[in-house]
Amino acid sequence: MRHFGHIPSATRTGLFHSEPAEFTADSPARTLATALGATLYSPATRPRLADDIRKQAARGVVSMVLCLEDSISDADVEAGETNLVRQFADLAAGAEADARTDAGTAVGVPLLFIRVRDPRQITDLVARLGETVRLLSGFVLPKFTETRGRAFLEALTQAERTSGRRLFAMPVLESPELLHLETRAETLAGIASITDKYRDRVLALRLGVTDFCSAYGLRRSPDMTAYDVKIVANVIADVVNVLGRSDGTGFTVTGPVWEYFRPGERMFKPQLRRSPFLEGRAEDLRTALIEHDLDGLLREIELDRANGLLGKTCIHPTHVVPVHALSVVSHEEWSDAQDILRPEQGGGGVLRSAYTNKMNEVKPHRAWAERILLRAEVFGVAKEDVGFVDLLTAGLAG
């Protein structure tokens, strides 16, 4: 797998100063947590799920969640489990067929996670998947708290032992105890404690903003980001404060879902500046993004990154390319990070950036620079004259 691997090699060469690196499901956890990108959710009941997974992989998706929880009705859980076992068998057969053909035309399987409802499903599904468990990267754990999470993580550990397969957990932080002010600090401390105990198995923490809004009967419009809903923004800040630190105790925290993918009536002006699209001769693309309410998504992705989040939960394929385009490291960011991390700067100090437009203070900016270079490894570094409009256009065309 590699980000932007679905676009022609010649196109990548024209876009990237340093191309995205290849990775596999067996790559180090730190690499995979950064590489998740736009994690596309799909109901586990879809009758042609294996074909859907292959199709999305061919369009640049590198991580997917197959959901047995909120996206399907209670009555469909058993059918969803049976369907997953069947679809994994189809995927495995397709992967074997690809291996016998020209490797250059084969489409890989993305990182696959199953979102379960209860711990029993983890051990049961791993047993039922049999040999096809090799296609599974882990499980998404809903409504995660210390109390509820312990049973999930114990089941995951047991499933690892019986299958011989490394399996990751992605807890979803969405419980009322986390949202409510009077229980938030205690809940966060509990989550920090249990995730630290199982640190090697926790790949990333996901935010369930829809559940947060539900607790107060709220729903943000396509004109609003999660950060405009102050109750939600406060929770995100506290989660990053406790669980997203760069001192070795933190985890990758992913951005919340963007719910919209159809055009609707707008109340506010579009949030996309016209000039980047004029420079790239892509005014039609700007119009299409606005018409499909994706200008709000682009703004939220930028705010995710500014607030310490990486990657994003996605419920529609049209959201994937914008997330990945805005995850590519700019040449300016890469240049600053390189300067900050030069061995001769180990003693600290202040540098003028190579772009002569900012101060780089070596010690305070070191953690930022390290994160930039890790993201650069999996998403690549754009050429000096390449912006997100160019990357967005290429990703959509690919």
Protein backbone atom coordinates (compact mmCIF):
# COMPACT_ATOMS: atom_id res chain seq x y z
CA MET A 1 0.00 0.00 0.00
CA ARG A 2 0.98 3.60 -0.49
CA HIS A 3 -0.90 6.87 -0.48
CA PHE A 4 -1.56 8.20 -3.99
CA GLY A 5 -0.58 4.80 -5.31
CA HIS A 6 -3.74 4.82 -7.43
CA ILE A 7 -2.47 7.66 -9.62
CA PRO A 8 0.04 7.10 -12.45
CA SER A 9 3.72 7.04 -11.52
CA ALA A 10 4.53 9.89 -13.92
CA THR A 11 1.88 12.06 -12.22
CA ARG A 12 3.31 11.33 -8.77
CA THR A 13 6.78 12.28 -10.00
CA GLY A 14 5.45 15.66 -11.07
CA LEU A 15 3.73 16.29 -7.74
CA PHE A 16 6.13 15.07 -5.08
CA HIS A 17 9.54 16.24 -3.93
CA SER A 18 9.56 12.99 -1.93
CA GLU A 19 6.93 10.37 -2.82
CA PRO A 20 4.83 8.55 -0.20
CA ALA A 21 6.56 5.40 1.02
CA GLU A 22 5.07 1.95 0.70
CA PHE A 23 3.83 0.19 3.85
CA THR A 24 2.04 -3.05 4.73
CA ALA A 25 -0.29 -4.26 7.46
CA ASP A 26 2.83 -5.57 9.20
CA SER A 27 4.60 -2.18 9.30
CA PRO A 28 5.40 -0.64 12.71
CA ALA A 29 2.39 0.61 14.65
CA ARG A 30 3.63 4.23 14.60
CA THR A 31 3.74 4.13 10.80
CA LEU A 32 0.27 2.60 10.51
CA ALA A 33 -1.28 5.06 12.97
CA THR A 34 0.00 7.94 10.84
CA ALA A 35 -0.91 6.25 7.56
CA LEU A 36 -4.59 5.56 8.41
CA GLY A 37 -5.63 8.72 6.59
CA ALA A 38 -9.29 8.78 5.63
CA THR A 39 -10.75 5.69 7.31
CA LEU A 40 -13.83 4.76 5.30
CA TYR A 41 -16.72 3.15 7.19
CA SER A 42 -19.03 0.61 5.57
CA PRO A 43 -21.93 -1.43 7.00
CA ALA A 44 -20.93 -5.07 7.43
CA THR A 45 -24.18 -6.15 5.80
CA ARG A 46 -23.36 -4.97 2.28
CA PRO A 47 -23.91 -7.96 -0.03
CA ARG A 48 -20.93 -7.18 -2.30
CA LEU A 49 -18.62 -5.95 0.44
CA ALA A 50 -15.51 -7.68 -0.92
CA ASP A 51 -15.99 -6.01 -4.31
CA ASP A 52 -16.59 -2.66 -2.57
CA ILE A 53 -13.33 -3.02 -0.63
CA ARG A 54 -11.34 -3.80 -3.75
CA LYS A 55 -12.96 -0.91 -5.61
CA GLN A 56 -12.18 1.58 -2.85
CA ALA A 57 -8.60 0.33 -2.58
CA ALA A 58 -8.20 0.99 -6.30
CA ARG A 59 -9.38 4.58 -5.64
CA GLY A 60 -6.79 5.27 -2.95
CA VAL A 61 -8.45 4.09 0.28
CA VAL A 62 -5.89 2.53 2.66
CA SER A 63 -8.04 1.89 5.75
CA MET A 64 -11.63 0.76 6.20
CA VAL A 65 -13.94 -0.09 9.09
CA LEU A 66 -16.60 -2.75 8.54
CA CYS A 67 -19.32 -1.84 11.00
CA LEU A 68 -21.51 -4.17 13.07
CA GLU A 69 -22.59 -1.39 15.41
CA ASP A 70 -24.52 1.83 14.81
CA SER A 71 -24.62 1.59 11.01
CA ILE A 72 -26.82 -1.53 11.06
CA SER A 73 -30.02 -2.41 12.93
CA ASP A 74 -30.03 -4.67 15.98
CA ALA A 75 -31.89 -7.29 13.99
CA ASP A 76 -29.13 -7.48 11.35
CA VAL A 77 -26.13 -8.18 13.59
CA GLU A 78 -26.10 -11.96 13.11
CA ALA A 79 -26.51 -11.60 9.35
CA GLY A 80 -23.71 -9.01 9.34
CA GLU A 81 -21.33 -11.39 11.12
CA THR A 82 -22.11 -14.19 8.67
CA ASN A 83 -21.65 -11.82 5.76
CA LEU A 84 -18.25 -10.69 7.04
CA VAL A 85 -16.97 -14.26 7.21
CA ARG A 86 -18.16 -14.88 3.65
CA GLN A 87 -16.77 -11.62 2.30
CA PHE A 88 -13.35 -12.18 3.89
CA ALA A 89 -13.23 -15.54 2.13
CA ASP A 90 -14.00 -13.78 -1.17
CA LEU A 91 -11.30 -11.19 -0.49
CA ALA A 92 -8.75 -13.88 0.30
CA ALA A 93 -9.58 -15.75 -2.91
CA GLY A 94 -9.22 -12.52 -4.89
CA ALA A 95 -5.86 -11.77 -3.27
CA GLU A 96 -4.61 -15.24 -4.18
CA ALA A 97 -5.77 -14.75 -7.77
CA ASP A 98 -3.98 -11.39 -7.90
CA ALA A 99 -0.79 -13.03 -6.63
CA ARG A 100 -0.83 -15.35 -9.64
CA THR A 101 -1.13 -12.41 -12.08
CA ASP A 102 1.14 -9.51 -12.92
CA ALA A 103 1.95 -7.89 -9.56
CA GLY A 104 1.89 -4.48 -11.21
CA THR A 105 -1.83 -4.75 -11.90
CA ALA A 106 -2.89 -6.30 -8.58
CA VAL A 107 -4.97 -4.24 -6.15
CA GLY A 108 -4.00 -4.67 -2.51
CA VAL A 109 -6.35 -5.03 0.43
CA PRO A 110 -6.49 -1.95 2.68
CA LEU A 111 -6.09 -2.07 6.44
CA LEU A 112 -9.36 -3.64 7.60
CA PHE A 113 -10.97 -3.21 11.02
CA ILE A 114 -14.27 -4.56 12.33
CA ARG A 115 -16.39 -2.39 14.58
CA VAL A 116 -18.01 -4.69 17.11
CA ARG A 117 -20.75 -4.24 19.70
CA ASP A 118 -19.48 -6.47 22.52
CA PRO A 119 -16.26 -8.28 23.45
CA ARG A 120 -17.65 -11.72 22.61
CA GLN A 121 -17.74 -10.80 18.94
CA ILE A 122 -13.95 -10.33 18.84
CA THR A 123 -13.03 -13.88 19.81
CA ASP A 124 -15.99 -15.37 17.94
CA LEU A 125 -15.25 -13.60 14.66
CA VAL A 126 -11.53 -14.35 14.78
CA ALA A 127 -12.35 -18.04 15.23
CA ARG A 128 -14.89 -17.99 12.38
CA LEU A 129 -12.57 -16.13 10.01
CA GLY A 130 -10.00 -18.91 10.24
CA GLU A 131 -7.09 -18.41 7.84
CA THR A 132 -8.65 -15.23 6.39
CA VAL A 133 -7.91 -13.45 9.68
CA ARG A 134 -4.62 -12.55 7.98
CA LEU A 135 -6.59 -9.83 6.15
CA LEU A 136 -7.75 -8.27 9.43
CA SER A 137 -5.79 -5.50 11.15
CA GLY A 138 -7.96 -5.14 14.24
CA PHE A 139 -11.18 -4.00 15.87
CA VAL A 140 -12.90 -0.70 16.57
CA LEU A 141 -14.22 -0.58 20.14
CA PRO A 142 -17.36 1.56 20.66
CA LYS A 143 -18.28 3.81 23.60
CA PHE A 144 -14.92 3.20 25.18
CA THR A 145 -14.29 3.84 28.87
CA GLU A 146 -11.94 2.16 31.33
CA THR A 147 -14.69 -0.15 32.61
CA ARG A 148 -16.14 -1.14 29.24
CA GLY A 149 -12.80 -1.11 27.47
CA ARG A 150 -11.10 -3.63 29.72
CA ALA A 151 -13.27 -6.54 28.53
CA PHE A 152 -12.75 -5.55 24.88
CA LEU A 153 -8.97 -5.39 25.26
CA GLU A 154 -8.83 -8.69 27.15
CA ALA A 155 -10.84 -10.31 24.33
CA LEU A 156 -8.44 -8.80 21.77
CA THR A 157 -5.45 -10.23 23.62
CA GLN A 158 -7.09 -13.66 23.68
CA ALA A 159 -7.90 -13.45 19.96
CA GLU A 160 -4.26 -12.59 19.22
CA ARG A 161 -3.05 -15.65 21.10
CA THR A 162 -5.42 -18.05 19.37
CA SER A 163 -4.92 -16.64 15.86
CA GLY A 164 -1.20 -15.89 16.00
CA ARG A 165 -2.03 -12.59 14.27
CA ARG A 166 -1.13 -9.08 15.48
CA LEU A 167 -4.44 -7.29 16.03
CA PHE A 168 -4.88 -3.63 16.93
CA ALA A 169 -7.61 -1.82 18.84
CA MET A 170 -9.05 1.55 17.87
CA PRO A 171 -11.21 2.70 20.80
CA VAL A 172 -13.97 5.20 20.00
CA LEU A 173 -14.30 7.99 22.55
CA GLU A 174 -18.00 8.82 22.45
CA SER A 175 -19.55 8.01 25.83
CA PRO A 176 -21.73 10.47 27.80
CA GLU A 177 -19.31 10.15 30.73
CA LEU A 178 -16.63 11.73 28.56
CA LEU A 179 -18.92 14.51 27.38
CA HIS A 180 -20.43 15.49 30.74
CA LEU A 181 -18.26 17.97 32.59
CA GLU A 182 -18.70 16.42 36.05
CA THR A 183 -17.36 13.02 34.94
CA ARG A 184 -14.94 14.01 32.16
CA ALA A 185 -11.71 14.25 34.12
CA GLU A 186 -12.25 10.90 35.86
CA THR A 187 -13.26 9.23 32.59
CA LEU A 188 -10.22 10.58 30.75
CA ALA A 189 -7.92 9.42 33.54
CA GLY A 190 -9.45 5.95 33.35
CA ILE A 191 -9.07 5.79 29.58
CA ALA A 192 -5.45 6.93 29.88
CA SER A 193 -4.79 4.19 32.43
CA ILE A 194 -6.29 1.27 30.47
CA THR A 195 -4.87 2.34 27.09
CA ASP A 196 -1.42 2.72 28.62
CA LYS A 197 -1.65 -0.83 29.97
CA TYR A 198 -2.43 -2.10 26.45
CA ARG A 199 -0.30 0.50 24.66
CA ASP A 200 1.19 -1.96 22.17
CA ARG A 201 -2.29 -2.92 20.97
CA VAL A 202 -3.88 0.55 20.73
CA LEU A 203 -3.26 1.90 17.24
CA ALA A 204 -5.27 5.12 17.46
CA LEU A 205 -8.13 6.74 19.34
CA ARG A 206 -11.20 7.81 17.37
CA LEU A 207 -13.66 10.56 18.30
CA GLY A 208 -17.42 9.91 18.14
CA VAL A 209 -18.63 13.47 17.68
CA THR A 210 -22.07 12.39 16.41
CA ASP A 211 -22.71 10.72 19.78
CA PHE A 212 -21.47 13.82 21.60
CA CYS A 213 -23.97 15.97 19.71
CA SER A 214 -26.73 13.40 20.27
CA ALA A 215 -26.42 13.76 24.04
CA TYR A 216 -27.65 17.35 23.71
CA GLY A 217 -29.97 16.94 20.72
CA LEU A 218 -27.53 18.79 18.46
CA ARG A 219 -26.44 18.32 14.86
CA ARG A 220 -23.99 20.60 13.11
CA SER A 221 -24.96 21.90 9.67
CA PRO A 222 -22.63 21.67 6.63
CA ASP A 223 -21.80 25.33 7.22
CA MET A 224 -20.34 24.47 10.63
CA THR A 225 -17.29 22.44 11.70
CA ALA A 226 -17.05 20.39 14.88
CA TYR A 227 -15.02 23.25 16.33
CA ASP A 228 -17.96 25.65 15.97
CA VAL A 229 -19.99 23.49 18.38
CA LYS A 230 -18.39 24.60 21.62
CA ILE A 231 -19.47 21.62 23.73
CA VAL A 232 -17.80 19.32 21.18
CA ALA A 233 -14.74 21.52 20.75
CA ASN A 234 -14.15 21.51 24.51
CA VAL A 235 -14.21 17.70 24.63
CA ILE A 236 -11.80 17.44 21.69
CA ALA A 237 -9.43 19.84 23.45
CA ASP A 238 -9.54 17.82 26.66
CA VAL A 239 -9.02 14.50 24.84
CA VAL A 240 -5.93 15.84 23.07
CA ASN A 241 -4.73 17.42 26.32
CA VAL A 242 -4.75 14.09 28.17
CA LEU A 243 -4.36 11.48 25.43
CA GLY A 244 -2.55 13.22 22.56
CA ARG A 245 0.63 14.45 24.20
CA SER A 246 3.95 14.29 22.36
CA ASP A 247 5.96 13.22 25.40
CA GLY A 248 5.65 9.49 24.69
CA THR A 249 2.45 9.01 26.71
CA GLY A 250 0.07 10.06 23.94
CA PHE A 251 -1.68 8.32 21.04
CA THR A 252 -2.74 9.29 17.54
CA VAL A 253 -6.21 10.85 17.84
CA THR A 254 -8.21 10.88 14.62
CA GLY A 255 -10.59 13.56 13.39
CA PRO A 256 -14.39 13.31 13.66
CA VAL A 257 -16.70 12.22 10.88
CA TRP A 258 -18.04 14.69 8.30
CA GLU A 259 -21.70 13.77 7.83
CA TYR A 260 -22.54 15.52 4.57
CA PHE A 261 -22.13 14.45 0.96
CA ARG A 262 -25.17 15.82 -0.86
CA PRO A 263 -25.87 19.41 -1.89
CA GLY A 264 -28.17 21.37 0.38
CA GLU A 265 -29.37 24.90 0.87
CA ARG A 266 -26.58 27.14 2.15
CA MET A 267 -26.89 29.81 4.80
CA PHE A 268 -23.31 31.15 4.78
CA LYS A 269 -20.80 32.07 2.12
CA PRO A 270 -18.51 29.33 0.78
CA GLN A 271 -15.38 28.80 2.86
CA LEU A 272 -12.98 28.15 -0.04
CA ARG A 273 -10.87 31.04 -1.27
CA ARG A 274 -11.00 31.45 -5.04
CA SER A 275 -7.32 32.30 -5.63
CA PRO A 276 -5.74 28.82 -5.13
CA PHE A 277 -8.15 27.41 -7.69
CA LEU A 278 -7.52 30.23 -10.15
CA GLU A 279 -3.78 29.62 -9.92
CA GLY A 280 -4.35 25.94 -10.61
CA ARG A 281 -6.95 26.63 -13.30
CA ALA A 282 -9.40 24.55 -11.32
CA GLU A 283 -12.40 26.82 -10.83
CA ASP A 284 -14.74 24.01 -11.88
CA LEU A 285 -13.33 21.87 -9.06
CA ARG A 286 -13.97 24.65 -6.55
CA THR A 287 -17.56 24.95 -7.76
CA ALA A 288 -18.07 21.18 -7.46
CA LEU A 289 -16.66 21.10 -3.93
CA ILE A 290 -18.94 23.92 -2.83
CA GLU A 291 -21.98 22.34 -4.48
CA HIS A 292 -21.36 19.11 -2.54
CA ASP A 293 -20.75 20.90 0.78
CA LEU A 294 -17.12 19.77 0.81
CA ASP A 295 -15.71 23.22 1.49
CA GLY A 296 -16.80 22.72 5.10
CA LEU A 297 -14.98 19.38 5.16
CA LEU A 298 -11.76 20.99 3.91
CA ARG A 299 -11.94 23.62 6.64
CA GLU A 300 -12.58 20.98 9.30
CA ILE A 301 -9.59 18.92 8.13
CA GLU A 302 -7.34 21.94 8.56
CA LEU A 303 -8.79 22.59 12.01
CA ASP A 304 -8.30 18.92 12.93
CA ARG A 305 -4.61 19.22 12.19
CA ALA A 306 -4.28 22.55 13.99
CA ASN A 307 -5.85 20.95 17.08
CA GLY A 308 -3.59 17.89 17.15
CA LEU A 309 -5.71 15.34 15.25
CA LEU A 310 -4.50 13.19 12.36
CA GLY A 311 -6.62 11.25 9.86
CA LYS A 312 -10.39 11.28 9.76
CA THR A 313 -13.44 9.04 9.98
CA CYS A 314 -15.25 9.08 6.62
CA ILE A 315 -18.66 7.77 5.63
CA HIS A 316 -18.51 8.58 1.91
CA PRO A 317 -15.83 7.87 -0.72
CA THR A 318 -15.86 11.51 -1.91
CA HIS A 319 -14.30 12.52 1.42
CA VAL A 320 -11.20 10.37 1.02
CA VAL A 321 -9.19 12.36 -1.53
CA PRO A 322 -9.63 15.72 0.27
CA VAL A 323 -8.37 14.18 3.53
CA HIS A 324 -5.33 12.70 1.80
CA ALA A 325 -4.58 15.82 -0.27
CA LEU A 326 -4.47 17.93 2.88
CA SER A 327 -2.31 15.34 4.66
CA VAL A 328 0.59 15.71 2.23
CA VAL A 329 3.43 17.68 3.79
CA SER A 330 4.18 20.94 2.03
CA HIS A 331 7.73 21.63 0.92
CA GLU A 332 7.84 24.55 3.34
CA GLU A 333 6.82 22.39 6.32
CA TRP A 334 9.37 19.75 5.35
CA SER A 335 12.13 22.34 4.96
CA ASP A 336 11.40 23.79 8.42
CA ALA A 337 11.32 20.34 10.02
CA GLN A 338 14.62 19.37 8.39
CA ASP A 339 16.30 22.52 9.67
CA ILE A 340 14.97 22.06 13.21
CA LEU A 341 16.14 18.44 13.43
CA ARG A 342 19.66 18.90 12.05
CA PRO A 343 22.18 17.24 14.40
CA GLU A 344 24.14 20.45 14.80
CA GLN A 345 21.01 22.11 16.24
CA GLY A 346 20.87 19.70 19.20
CA GLY A 347 21.73 22.47 21.63
CA GLY A 348 18.74 24.59 20.66
CA GLY A 349 18.56 28.12 19.36
CA VAL A 350 16.47 30.10 16.92
CA LEU A 351 16.68 29.92 13.12
CA ARG A 352 15.18 31.95 10.34
CA SER A 353 13.25 29.59 8.09
CA ALA A 354 14.61 28.78 4.64
CA TYR A 355 11.46 30.45 3.29
CA THR A 356 12.45 33.59 5.28
CA ASN A 357 8.91 34.04 6.61
CA LYS A 358 9.00 32.66 10.15
CA MET A 359 11.05 31.82 13.23
CA ASN A 360 12.01 28.18 13.88
CA GLU A 361 12.82 27.73 17.56
CA VAL A 362 14.65 24.40 17.78
CA LYS A 363 13.62 23.02 21.18
CA PRO A 364 9.92 24.07 21.27
CA HIS A 365 9.37 23.04 17.64
CA ARG A 366 11.18 19.68 17.83
CA ALA A 367 8.10 17.54 18.56
CA TRP A 368 6.24 19.26 15.72
CA ALA A 369 9.14 18.62 13.35
CA GLU A 370 9.29 14.93 14.28
CA ARG A 371 5.58 14.54 13.54
CA ILE A 372 6.00 16.36 10.23
CA LEU A 373 8.74 13.97 9.08
CA LEU A 374 6.68 10.92 10.07
CA ARG A 375 3.72 12.26 8.09
CA ALA A 376 6.07 13.07 5.22
CA GLU A 377 7.17 9.45 5.11
CA VAL A 378 3.67 8.07 4.53
CA PHE A 379 1.97 10.96 2.69
CA GLY A 380 4.96 12.39 0.87
CA VAL A 381 6.34 15.90 0.47
CA ALA A 382 4.91 18.11 -2.26
CA LYS A 383 7.17 19.97 -4.66
CA GLU A 384 7.71 23.66 -3.98
CA ASP A 385 5.15 24.80 -6.55
CA VAL A 386 2.54 22.12 -5.78
CA GLY A 387 -0.45 22.97 -3.57
CA PHE A 388 -3.44 21.05 -2.27
CA VAL A 389 -5.49 21.95 -5.37
CA ASP A 390 -2.97 20.10 -7.56
CA LEU A 391 -3.02 17.11 -5.21
CA LEU A 392 -6.81 17.15 -5.01
CA THR A 393 -7.13 17.29 -8.79
CA ALA A 394 -4.66 14.45 -9.32
CA GLY A 395 -6.29 12.31 -6.62
CA LEU A 396 -9.74 12.72 -8.12
CA ALA A 397 -8.47 12.04 -11.65
CA GLY A 398 -6.61 8.91 -10.55
